[in-house]
Amino acid sequence: MLFMTLNKLKMRKGLTEDLKTKIDVFYALGRLTEKEYSELMDIPYEEVGEDENIAENE
């Protein structure tokens, strides 16, 4: 529900600095997933598989 509300705000007023700040705060608090955050901030989202994630950490 939070994602839909933020997305509607983005469509109406655009991605303003104020909205970016709100999105960042909700993401930092764990209220948005990485995928939702990426979509709201217009950042390409790439799902990393578990095997790829382990390889990057080694």
C-alpha atoms as a PDB file:
ATOM      1  CA  MET A   1       0.000   0.000   0.000  1.00  0.00           C
ATOM      2  CA  LEU A   2       2.835   2.396   0.821  1.00  0.00           C
ATOM      3  CA  PHE A   3       4.445   1.636  -2.532  1.00  0.00           C
ATOM      4  CA  MET A   4       1.222   2.422  -4.408  1.00  0.00           C
ATOM      5  CA  THR A   5       0.799   5.713  -2.540  1.00  0.00           C
ATOM      6  CA  LEU A   6       4.371   6.806  -3.256  1.00  0.00           C
ATOM      7  CA  ASN A   7       4.004   5.758  -6.890  1.00  0.00           C
ATOM      8  CA  LYS A   8       0.840   7.879  -7.245  1.00  0.00           C
ATOM      9  CA  LEU A   9       2.651  10.884  -5.755  1.00  0.00           C
ATOM     10  CA  LYS A  10       5.487  10.337  -8.205  1.00  0.00           C
ATOM     11  CA  MET A  11       3.061  10.243 -11.143  1.00  0.00           C
ATOM     12  CA  ARG A  12       1.264  13.417 -10.051  1.00  0.00           C
ATOM     13  CA  LYS A  13       4.183  15.641  -9.080  1.00  0.00           C
ATOM     14  CA  GLY A  14       7.236  13.894 -10.481  1.00  0.00           C
ATOM     15  CA  LEU A  15      10.249  12.655  -8.569  1.00  0.00           C
ATOM     16  CA  THR A  16      10.901  15.744  -6.454  1.00  0.00           C
ATOM     17  CA  GLU A  17      13.730  16.047  -3.933  1.00  0.00           C
ATOM     18  CA  ASP A  18      11.167  15.869  -1.132  1.00  0.00           C
ATOM     19  CA  LEU A  19       9.729  12.628  -2.486  1.00  0.00           C
ATOM     20  CA  LYS A  20      13.231  11.177  -2.952  1.00  0.00           C
ATOM     21  CA  THR A  21      13.962  11.898   0.706  1.00  0.00           C
ATOM     22  CA  LYS A  22      10.757  10.181   1.809  1.00  0.00           C
ATOM     23  CA  ILE A  23      11.490   7.148  -0.362  1.00  0.00           C
ATOM     24  CA  ASP A  24      15.022   6.940   1.088  1.00  0.00           C
ATOM     25  CA  VAL A  25      13.690   7.052   4.652  1.00  0.00           C
ATOM     26  CA  PHE A  26      11.067   4.359   4.028  1.00  0.00           C
ATOM     27  CA  TYR A  27      13.703   2.163   2.364  1.00  0.00           C
ATOM     28  CA  ALA A  28      16.157   2.671   5.235  1.00  0.00           C
ATOM     29  CA  LEU A  29      13.468   1.681   7.738  1.00  0.00           C
ATOM     30  CA  GLY A  30      12.687  -1.476   5.770  1.00  0.00           C
ATOM     31  CA  ARG A  31       9.215  -0.386   4.680  1.00  0.00           C
ATOM     32  CA  LEU A  32      10.126  -0.745   0.974  1.00  0.00           C
ATOM     33  CA  THR A  33      11.831  -3.661  -0.740  1.00  0.00           C
ATOM     34  CA  GLU A  34      14.882  -3.159  -2.916  1.00  0.00           C
ATOM     35  CA  LYS A  35      12.758  -3.785  -6.002  1.00  0.00           C
ATOM     36  CA  GLU A  36      10.146  -1.187  -4.946  1.00  0.00           C
ATOM     37  CA  TYR A  37      12.885   1.323  -4.102  1.00  0.00           C
ATOM     38  CA  SER A  38      14.530   0.815  -7.482  1.00  0.00           C
ATOM     39  CA  GLU A  39      11.254   1.274  -9.320  1.00  0.00           C
ATOM     40  CA  LEU A  40      10.352   4.454  -7.434  1.00  0.00           C
ATOM     41  CA  MET A  41      13.825   5.964  -7.887  1.00  0.00           C
ATOM     42  CA  ASP A  42      14.009   4.979 -11.595  1.00  0.00           C
ATOM     43  CA  ILE A  43      17.051   2.771 -11.007  1.00  0.00           C
ATOM     44  CA  PRO A  44      17.324  -0.462 -12.992  1.00  0.00           C
ATOM     45  CA  TYR A  45      16.751  -3.400 -10.644  1.00  0.00           C
ATOM     46  CA  GLU A  46      18.736  -6.562 -11.166  1.00  0.00           C
ATOM     47  CA  GLU A  47      17.897  -9.585  -9.059  1.00  0.00           C
ATOM     48  CA  VAL A  48      21.065 -11.285  -7.922  1.00  0.00           C
ATOM     49  CA  GLY A  49      20.826 -15.008  -7.437  1.00  0.00           C
ATOM     50  CA  GLU A  50      22.131 -16.575  -4.245  1.00  0.00           C
ATOM     51  CA  ASP A  51      25.102 -18.191  -6.057  1.00  0.00           C
ATOM     52  CA  GLU A  52      26.137 -14.895  -7.636  1.00  0.00           C
ATOM     53  CA  ASN A  53      25.861 -13.095  -4.307  1.00  0.00           C
ATOM     54  CA  ILE A  54      28.139 -15.641  -2.618  1.00  0.00           C
ATOM     55  CA  ALA A  55      30.694 -15.379  -5.430  1.00  0.00           C
ATOM     56  CA  GLU A  56      30.830 -11.589  -5.036  1.00  0.00           C
ATOM     57  CA  ASN A  57      31.518 -11.884  -1.297  1.00  0.00           C
ATOM     58  CA  GLU A  58      34.483 -14.265  -1.720  1.00  0.00           C
END
